[in-house]
Amino acid sequence: MQKELCRFVDYIIEVENNSAAIYISDDLVYKPAIVRFQGQEVYRGRLPHVLFLRLPAYMSPEVVGFQLRIKDVPFSEL
């Protein structure tokens, strides 16, 4: 299956098979954040340049983007 891309304001999502790569903008990299996907926390800490997710089934990048929440938080909440 080929790769699909979708650009959002602060990140780009690339989906291939059942995995997604989220390329985060330079403005957010290294900021403390909590990342949630489908309501579950999948990452907590300083944001990396790329975040990889294993998807439960194939999803388009748009669907992944709608279910992804990146919330910047103060260091005290990490």
N, C-alpha and C. Protein backbone atom coordinates (compact mmCIF):
# COMPACT_ATOMS: atom_id res chain seq x y z
N MET A 1 0.85 -1.18 0.00
CA MET A 1 0.00 0.00 0.00
C MET A 1 0.89 1.24 0.00
N GLN A 2 0.49 2.26 -0.69
CA GLN A 2 1.30 3.45 -0.78
C GLN A 2 1.07 4.39 0.41
N LYS A 3 1.97 5.32 0.56
CA LYS A 3 1.88 6.28 1.66
C LYS A 3 0.87 7.36 1.32
N GLU A 4 0.20 7.85 2.35
CA GLU A 4 -0.72 8.98 2.20
C GLU A 4 -0.28 10.07 3.15
N LEU A 5 -0.34 11.32 2.71
CA LEU A 5 0.06 12.47 3.51
C LEU A 5 -1.10 13.43 3.67
N CYS A 6 -1.09 14.12 4.81
CA CYS A 6 -2.06 15.18 5.04
C CYS A 6 -1.38 16.23 5.91
N ARG A 7 -1.50 17.47 5.53
CA ARG A 7 -0.86 18.55 6.29
C ARG A 7 -1.90 19.27 7.15
N PHE A 8 -1.55 19.44 8.41
CA PHE A 8 -2.35 20.22 9.34
C PHE A 8 -1.53 21.45 9.72
N VAL A 9 -2.03 22.30 10.56
CA VAL A 9 -1.35 23.55 10.90
C VAL A 9 0.01 23.30 11.55
N ASP A 10 0.05 22.42 12.56
CA ASP A 10 1.28 22.23 13.33
C ASP A 10 2.01 20.92 13.07
N TYR A 11 1.48 20.09 12.19
CA TYR A 11 2.14 18.82 11.91
C TYR A 11 1.67 18.24 10.57
N ILE A 12 2.44 17.28 10.10
CA ILE A 12 2.12 16.54 8.88
C ILE A 12 1.97 15.08 9.29
N ILE A 13 0.94 14.43 8.80
CA ILE A 13 0.71 13.03 9.11
C ILE A 13 0.93 12.20 7.85
N GLU A 14 1.74 11.15 8.00
CA GLU A 14 1.99 10.21 6.92
C GLU A 14 1.53 8.83 7.38
N VAL A 15 0.66 8.21 6.62
CA VAL A 15 0.13 6.89 6.98
C VAL A 15 0.58 5.88 5.93
N GLU A 16 1.09 4.76 6.43
CA GLU A 16 1.43 3.64 5.56
C GLU A 16 1.05 2.36 6.30
N ASN A 17 0.18 1.57 5.68
CA ASN A 17 -0.36 0.35 6.28
C ASN A 17 -1.02 0.69 7.61
N ASN A 18 -0.57 0.08 8.71
CA ASN A 18 -1.19 0.34 10.01
C ASN A 18 -0.29 1.17 10.91
N SER A 19 0.51 2.05 10.34
CA SER A 19 1.35 2.92 11.17
C SER A 19 1.28 4.34 10.63
N ALA A 20 1.49 5.27 11.55
CA ALA A 20 1.44 6.69 11.20
C ALA A 20 2.69 7.37 11.74
N ALA A 21 3.23 8.29 10.96
CA ALA A 21 4.34 9.13 11.39
C ALA A 21 3.82 10.56 11.45
N ILE A 22 3.99 11.20 12.59
CA ILE A 22 3.55 12.59 12.75
C ILE A 22 4.80 13.45 12.81
N TYR A 23 4.98 14.28 11.79
CA TYR A 23 6.12 15.19 11.71
C TYR A 23 5.68 16.52 12.31
N ILE A 24 6.26 16.88 13.43
CA ILE A 24 5.83 18.03 14.22
C ILE A 24 6.61 19.28 13.79
N SER A 25 5.92 20.41 13.74
CA SER A 25 6.55 21.66 13.31
C SER A 25 7.64 22.10 14.28
N ASP A 26 8.61 22.83 13.76
CA ASP A 26 9.72 23.30 14.58
C ASP A 26 9.28 24.19 15.73
N ASP A 27 8.12 24.84 15.59
CA ASP A 27 7.62 25.71 16.65
C ASP A 27 7.24 24.92 17.90
N LEU A 28 6.86 23.65 17.73
CA LEU A 28 6.42 22.83 18.86
C LEU A 28 7.48 21.86 19.39
N VAL A 29 8.49 21.57 18.58
CA VAL A 29 9.50 20.59 18.98
C VAL A 29 10.17 21.03 20.27
N TYR A 30 10.34 20.08 21.17
CA TYR A 30 10.95 20.23 22.49
C TYR A 30 10.06 20.92 23.52
N LYS A 31 8.85 21.34 23.13
CA LYS A 31 7.94 21.89 24.13
C LYS A 31 7.31 20.73 24.91
N PRO A 32 7.06 20.93 26.19
CA PRO A 32 6.40 19.87 26.96
C PRO A 32 4.94 19.72 26.50
N ALA A 33 4.52 18.48 26.32
CA ALA A 33 3.17 18.26 25.81
C ALA A 33 2.65 16.88 26.19
N ILE A 34 1.35 16.73 26.06
CA ILE A 34 0.69 15.45 26.21
C ILE A 34 0.00 15.15 24.88
N VAL A 35 0.25 13.97 24.35
CA VAL A 35 -0.35 13.57 23.07
C VAL A 35 -1.36 12.47 23.35
N ARG A 36 -2.58 12.67 22.85
CA ARG A 36 -3.64 11.68 23.00
C ARG A 36 -4.10 11.24 21.61
N PHE A 37 -4.36 9.94 21.51
CA PHE A 37 -4.90 9.39 20.26
C PHE A 37 -6.07 8.49 20.64
N GLN A 38 -7.21 8.74 20.06
CA GLN A 38 -8.45 8.03 20.36
C GLN A 38 -8.76 8.08 21.85
N GLY A 39 -8.48 9.22 22.47
CA GLY A 39 -8.79 9.43 23.87
C GLY A 39 -7.79 8.86 24.86
N GLN A 40 -6.79 8.12 24.38
CA GLN A 40 -5.79 7.53 25.28
C GLN A 40 -4.47 8.28 25.15
N GLU A 41 -3.83 8.47 26.30
CA GLU A 41 -2.53 9.13 26.28
C GLU A 41 -1.48 8.20 25.68
N VAL A 42 -0.81 8.68 24.63
CA VAL A 42 0.22 7.87 23.96
C VAL A 42 1.62 8.43 24.15
N TYR A 43 1.72 9.69 24.60
CA TYR A 43 3.04 10.28 24.81
C TYR A 43 2.91 11.44 25.79
N ARG A 44 3.92 11.56 26.66
CA ARG A 44 4.00 12.66 27.61
C ARG A 44 5.46 13.03 27.74
N GLY A 45 5.77 14.29 27.47
CA GLY A 45 7.15 14.75 27.55
C GLY A 45 7.42 15.83 26.52
N ARG A 46 8.70 16.08 26.29
CA ARG A 46 9.07 17.06 25.26
C ARG A 46 8.80 16.45 23.89
N LEU A 47 8.21 17.23 23.02
CA LEU A 47 7.84 16.71 21.70
C LEU A 47 9.06 16.44 20.84
N PRO A 48 9.11 15.27 20.22
CA PRO A 48 10.19 14.97 19.28
C PRO A 48 9.88 15.55 17.90
N HIS A 49 10.82 15.45 16.99
CA HIS A 49 10.58 15.91 15.62
C HIS A 49 9.56 15.01 14.92
N VAL A 50 9.63 13.70 15.22
CA VAL A 50 8.72 12.72 14.61
C VAL A 50 8.18 11.81 15.70
N LEU A 51 6.90 11.59 15.67
CA LEU A 51 6.24 10.69 16.62
C LEU A 51 5.57 9.59 15.81
N PHE A 52 5.83 8.33 16.16
CA PHE A 52 5.27 7.20 15.43
C PHE A 52 4.14 6.57 16.23
N LEU A 53 3.08 6.22 15.53
CA LEU A 53 1.93 5.56 16.16
C LEU A 53 1.62 4.27 15.42
N ARG A 54 1.26 3.23 16.17
CA ARG A 54 0.75 2.00 15.58
C ARG A 54 -0.76 2.13 15.59
N LEU A 55 -1.38 2.02 14.43
CA LEU A 55 -2.82 2.19 14.32
C LEU A 55 -3.53 0.85 14.49
N PRO A 56 -4.73 0.85 15.09
CA PRO A 56 -5.46 -0.41 15.28
C PRO A 56 -5.93 -1.01 13.95
N ALA A 57 -6.12 -0.19 12.95
CA ALA A 57 -6.51 -0.62 11.61
C ALA A 57 -6.09 0.49 10.65
N TYR A 58 -6.20 0.24 9.36
CA TYR A 58 -5.84 1.29 8.43
C TYR A 58 -6.78 2.48 8.60
N MET A 59 -6.23 3.67 8.64
CA MET A 59 -6.99 4.92 8.72
C MET A 59 -6.35 5.92 7.77
N SER A 60 -7.15 6.79 7.22
CA SER A 60 -6.60 7.85 6.38
C SER A 60 -5.91 8.88 7.28
N PRO A 61 -5.00 9.68 6.75
CA PRO A 61 -4.33 10.70 7.56
C PRO A 61 -5.32 11.71 8.15
N GLU A 62 -6.39 11.98 7.44
CA GLU A 62 -7.40 12.91 7.95
C GLU A 62 -8.07 12.37 9.20
N VAL A 63 -8.40 11.07 9.19
CA VAL A 63 -9.03 10.45 10.36
C VAL A 63 -8.07 10.43 11.54
N VAL A 64 -6.80 10.11 11.28
CA VAL A 64 -5.79 10.14 12.35
C VAL A 64 -5.70 11.55 12.93
N GLY A 65 -5.69 12.56 12.06
CA GLY A 65 -5.61 13.95 12.53
C GLY A 65 -6.79 14.36 13.38
N PHE A 66 -7.99 13.87 13.04
CA PHE A 66 -9.17 14.22 13.83
C PHE A 66 -9.16 13.54 15.20
N GLN A 67 -8.49 12.40 15.32
CA GLN A 67 -8.45 11.67 16.59
C GLN A 67 -7.21 11.98 17.41
N LEU A 68 -6.33 12.82 16.88
CA LEU A 68 -5.08 13.16 17.55
C LEU A 68 -5.21 14.50 18.25
N ARG A 69 -4.76 14.55 19.49
CA ARG A 69 -4.75 15.80 20.26
C ARG A 69 -3.36 16.01 20.85
N ILE A 70 -2.77 17.15 20.53
CA ILE A 70 -1.48 17.53 21.10
C ILE A 70 -1.70 18.77 21.94
N LYS A 71 -1.49 18.63 23.24
CA LYS A 71 -1.74 19.73 24.17
C LYS A 71 -0.44 20.10 24.86
N ASP A 72 -0.01 21.36 24.67
CA ASP A 72 1.19 21.79 25.37
C ASP A 72 0.82 22.09 26.83
N VAL A 73 1.72 21.70 27.72
CA VAL A 73 1.49 21.82 29.15
C VAL A 73 2.73 22.41 29.81
N PRO A 74 2.60 22.96 31.02
CA PRO A 74 3.80 23.40 31.74
C PRO A 74 4.61 22.20 32.21
N PHE A 75 5.91 22.41 32.43
CA PHE A 75 6.78 21.33 32.87
C PHE A 75 6.29 20.67 34.16
N SER A 76 5.62 21.42 35.01
CA SER A 76 5.15 20.87 36.28
C SER A 76 4.12 19.77 36.10
N GLU A 77 3.44 19.71 34.95
CA GLU A 77 2.44 18.67 34.72
C GLU A 77 3.01 17.40 34.12
N LEU A 78 4.30 17.40 33.79
CA LEU A 78 4.90 16.19 33.19
C LEU A 78 5.28 15.17 34.21
